[in-house]
N, C-alpha and C. Protein backbone atom coordinates (compact mmCIF):
# COMPACT_ATOMS: atom_id res chain seq x y z
N MET A 1 -36.67 -18.59 -172.50
CA MET A 1 -36.25 -19.32 -171.33
C MET A 1 -37.28 -19.08 -170.23
N ILE A 2 -37.67 -20.15 -169.57
CA ILE A 2 -38.57 -20.05 -168.43
C ILE A 2 -37.73 -19.77 -167.19
N VAL A 3 -38.12 -18.75 -166.44
CA VAL A 3 -37.43 -18.43 -165.19
C VAL A 3 -38.43 -18.55 -164.04
N TYR A 4 -37.93 -18.93 -162.89
CA TYR A 4 -38.78 -19.16 -161.73
C TYR A 4 -38.63 -18.09 -160.65
N GLU A 5 -38.17 -16.92 -161.04
CA GLU A 5 -38.06 -15.81 -160.09
C GLU A 5 -39.40 -15.51 -159.41
N PRO A 6 -40.53 -15.53 -160.15
CA PRO A 6 -41.82 -15.28 -159.48
C PRO A 6 -42.12 -16.29 -158.37
N PHE A 7 -41.68 -17.54 -158.55
CA PHE A 7 -41.90 -18.55 -157.52
C PHE A 7 -41.30 -18.12 -156.19
N TRP A 8 -40.08 -17.63 -156.22
CA TRP A 8 -39.39 -17.25 -154.98
C TRP A 8 -40.10 -16.09 -154.29
N LYS A 9 -40.63 -15.16 -155.06
CA LYS A 9 -41.38 -14.04 -154.48
C LYS A 9 -42.70 -14.54 -153.89
N THR A 10 -43.37 -15.43 -154.62
CA THR A 10 -44.63 -15.99 -154.14
C THR A 10 -44.40 -16.81 -152.89
N LEU A 11 -43.35 -17.62 -152.88
CA LEU A 11 -43.03 -18.44 -151.72
C LEU A 11 -42.75 -17.57 -150.49
N LYS A 12 -41.99 -16.51 -150.69
CA LYS A 12 -41.65 -15.62 -149.57
C LYS A 12 -42.90 -14.96 -148.99
N ALA A 13 -43.86 -14.64 -149.84
CA ALA A 13 -45.10 -13.98 -149.40
C ALA A 13 -46.09 -14.97 -148.78
N SER A 14 -45.82 -16.27 -148.90
CA SER A 14 -46.74 -17.29 -148.39
C SER A 14 -46.33 -17.73 -146.99
N ASN A 15 -47.10 -18.67 -146.45
CA ASN A 15 -46.78 -19.28 -145.16
C ASN A 15 -45.92 -20.53 -145.33
N GLU A 16 -45.47 -20.79 -146.55
CA GLU A 16 -44.69 -21.98 -146.85
C GLU A 16 -43.20 -21.63 -146.93
N SER A 17 -42.39 -22.67 -146.96
CA SER A 17 -40.94 -22.53 -147.14
C SER A 17 -40.48 -23.72 -147.97
N THR A 18 -39.24 -23.71 -148.39
CA THR A 18 -38.74 -24.89 -149.12
C THR A 18 -38.83 -26.12 -148.22
N TYR A 19 -38.61 -25.93 -146.93
CA TYR A 19 -38.71 -27.05 -145.98
C TYR A 19 -40.13 -27.64 -145.97
N THR A 20 -41.15 -26.78 -145.86
CA THR A 20 -42.53 -27.31 -145.83
C THR A 20 -42.93 -27.89 -147.18
N LEU A 21 -42.40 -27.34 -148.27
CA LEU A 21 -42.70 -27.93 -149.57
C LEU A 21 -42.19 -29.36 -149.65
N ILE A 22 -41.01 -29.59 -149.08
CA ILE A 22 -40.42 -30.93 -149.10
C ILE A 22 -41.09 -31.85 -148.08
N VAL A 23 -41.21 -31.40 -146.84
CA VAL A 23 -41.69 -32.27 -145.76
C VAL A 23 -43.21 -32.43 -145.77
N LYS A 24 -43.92 -31.32 -145.82
CA LYS A 24 -45.39 -31.36 -145.72
C LYS A 24 -46.06 -31.72 -147.05
N HIS A 25 -45.52 -31.18 -148.15
CA HIS A 25 -46.18 -31.36 -149.45
C HIS A 25 -45.49 -32.39 -150.34
N HIS A 26 -44.42 -32.98 -149.85
CA HIS A 26 -43.72 -34.09 -150.52
C HIS A 26 -43.12 -33.74 -151.88
N LEU A 27 -42.71 -32.49 -152.06
CA LEU A 27 -41.94 -32.15 -153.26
C LEU A 27 -40.51 -32.63 -153.02
N SER A 28 -39.85 -33.03 -154.07
CA SER A 28 -38.49 -33.53 -153.90
C SER A 28 -37.50 -32.36 -153.81
N SER A 29 -36.39 -32.63 -153.19
CA SER A 29 -35.34 -31.61 -153.11
C SER A 29 -34.79 -31.33 -154.51
N SER A 30 -34.87 -32.30 -155.42
CA SER A 30 -34.41 -32.06 -156.79
C SER A 30 -35.34 -31.07 -157.50
N THR A 31 -36.62 -31.06 -157.16
CA THR A 31 -37.55 -30.07 -157.72
C THR A 31 -37.16 -28.67 -157.26
N ILE A 32 -36.85 -28.54 -155.98
CA ILE A 32 -36.41 -27.24 -155.45
C ILE A 32 -35.13 -26.80 -156.16
N ASP A 33 -34.23 -27.74 -156.38
CA ASP A 33 -32.98 -27.45 -157.08
C ASP A 33 -33.25 -26.99 -158.52
N LYS A 34 -34.21 -27.62 -159.20
CA LYS A 34 -34.58 -27.21 -160.56
C LYS A 34 -35.13 -25.79 -160.56
N LEU A 35 -35.91 -25.45 -159.55
CA LEU A 35 -36.44 -24.09 -159.43
C LEU A 35 -35.31 -23.09 -159.24
N ARG A 36 -34.35 -23.44 -158.42
CA ARG A 36 -33.20 -22.56 -158.18
C ARG A 36 -32.39 -22.32 -159.44
N LYS A 37 -32.27 -23.35 -160.27
CA LYS A 37 -31.40 -23.30 -161.45
C LYS A 37 -32.16 -23.05 -162.76
N ASN A 38 -33.46 -22.72 -162.67
CA ASN A 38 -34.29 -22.47 -163.85
C ASN A 38 -34.25 -23.63 -164.83
N LYS A 39 -34.31 -24.84 -164.31
CA LYS A 39 -34.34 -26.04 -165.13
C LYS A 39 -35.80 -26.41 -165.41
N PRO A 40 -36.06 -27.16 -166.48
CA PRO A 40 -37.44 -27.51 -166.83
C PRO A 40 -38.17 -28.30 -165.74
N LEU A 41 -39.44 -27.97 -165.55
CA LEU A 41 -40.34 -28.72 -164.67
C LEU A 41 -41.53 -29.17 -165.49
N ASN A 42 -42.15 -30.27 -165.11
CA ASN A 42 -43.33 -30.70 -165.84
C ASN A 42 -44.57 -29.93 -165.36
N THR A 43 -45.61 -29.98 -166.15
CA THR A 43 -46.81 -29.19 -165.84
C THR A 43 -47.52 -29.70 -164.60
N THR A 44 -47.37 -30.97 -164.27
CA THR A 44 -47.97 -31.49 -163.03
C THR A 44 -47.34 -30.82 -161.83
N THR A 45 -46.04 -30.63 -161.85
CA THR A 45 -45.34 -29.96 -160.76
C THR A 45 -45.76 -28.50 -160.67
N ILE A 46 -45.87 -27.83 -161.82
CA ILE A 46 -46.34 -26.43 -161.84
C ILE A 46 -47.75 -26.36 -161.25
N ASN A 47 -48.61 -27.29 -161.63
CA ASN A 47 -49.97 -27.35 -161.10
C ASN A 47 -49.94 -27.52 -159.58
N ASP A 48 -49.12 -28.43 -159.09
CA ASP A 48 -49.00 -28.66 -157.65
C ASP A 48 -48.55 -27.40 -156.92
N LEU A 49 -47.56 -26.72 -157.47
CA LEU A 49 -47.07 -25.48 -156.84
C LEU A 49 -48.16 -24.41 -156.81
N CYS A 50 -48.91 -24.28 -157.89
CA CYS A 50 -50.01 -23.31 -157.94
C CYS A 50 -51.06 -23.64 -156.88
N ARG A 51 -51.36 -24.92 -156.73
CA ARG A 51 -52.35 -25.35 -155.74
C ARG A 51 -51.85 -25.09 -154.32
N ILE A 52 -50.61 -25.49 -154.05
CA ILE A 52 -50.03 -25.31 -152.72
C ILE A 52 -49.94 -23.83 -152.34
N LEU A 53 -49.49 -23.01 -153.27
CA LEU A 53 -49.27 -21.59 -152.99
C LEU A 53 -50.49 -20.72 -153.32
N ASN A 54 -51.55 -21.38 -153.82
CA ASN A 54 -52.79 -20.68 -154.16
C ASN A 54 -52.51 -19.46 -155.05
N CYS A 55 -51.89 -19.72 -156.18
CA CYS A 55 -51.51 -18.63 -157.09
C CYS A 55 -51.70 -19.08 -158.54
N PRO A 56 -51.77 -18.12 -159.46
CA PRO A 56 -51.81 -18.46 -160.88
C PRO A 56 -50.42 -18.88 -161.38
N VAL A 57 -50.35 -19.39 -162.56
CA VAL A 57 -49.08 -19.84 -163.14
C VAL A 57 -48.04 -18.73 -163.14
N ASP A 58 -48.46 -17.50 -163.39
CA ASP A 58 -47.47 -16.41 -163.42
C ASP A 58 -46.93 -16.07 -162.03
N GLY A 59 -47.46 -16.69 -161.00
CA GLY A 59 -46.89 -16.58 -159.68
C GLY A 59 -45.75 -17.58 -159.46
N ILE A 60 -45.56 -18.46 -160.45
CA ILE A 60 -44.52 -19.49 -160.39
C ILE A 60 -43.41 -19.24 -161.41
N MET A 61 -43.80 -18.83 -162.62
CA MET A 61 -42.80 -18.72 -163.67
C MET A 61 -43.17 -17.64 -164.68
N ARG A 62 -42.18 -17.28 -165.50
CA ARG A 62 -42.43 -16.38 -166.63
C ARG A 62 -41.43 -16.72 -167.73
N TYR A 63 -41.77 -16.29 -168.92
CA TYR A 63 -40.90 -16.50 -170.07
C TYR A 63 -40.09 -15.25 -170.32
N GLU A 64 -38.78 -15.42 -170.50
CA GLU A 64 -37.89 -14.33 -170.89
C GLU A 64 -37.14 -14.79 -172.13
N PRO A 65 -37.22 -14.05 -173.23
CA PRO A 65 -36.46 -14.43 -174.43
C PRO A 65 -34.97 -14.52 -174.08
N SER A 66 -34.31 -15.49 -174.70
CA SER A 66 -32.90 -15.72 -174.43
C SER A 66 -32.21 -16.22 -175.69
N GLU A 67 -30.97 -15.86 -175.84
CA GLU A 67 -30.20 -16.38 -176.98
C GLU A 67 -29.91 -17.86 -176.82
N ASP A 68 -30.10 -18.38 -175.60
CA ASP A 68 -29.90 -19.80 -175.35
C ASP A 68 -31.11 -20.65 -175.72
N ASP A 69 -32.23 -19.99 -176.10
CA ASP A 69 -33.42 -20.74 -176.51
C ASP A 69 -33.11 -21.58 -177.74
N GLN A 70 -33.75 -22.73 -177.79
CA GLN A 70 -33.58 -23.63 -178.93
C GLN A 70 -34.11 -22.98 -180.19
N ILE A 71 -33.38 -23.10 -181.28
CA ILE A 71 -33.83 -22.55 -182.57
C ILE A 71 -34.94 -23.44 -183.12
N LEU A 72 -36.02 -22.82 -183.54
CA LEU A 72 -37.16 -23.58 -184.07
C LEU A 72 -37.15 -23.57 -185.57
């Protein structure tokens, strides 16, 4: 399962807020909601967040094994 806990830490350490992500950087409120609920995001959105927050991908998300993961 992908979790976005690192995003919240990175956001807090930055000069940005969820408000500026929505208003200044034109991210949708549904994207913020997906981050809050650990829902899937596309790689373009991850790329945008990395660019805005000037961080690597691991500053946005990490993988945690979960029993809810799809069986392959």
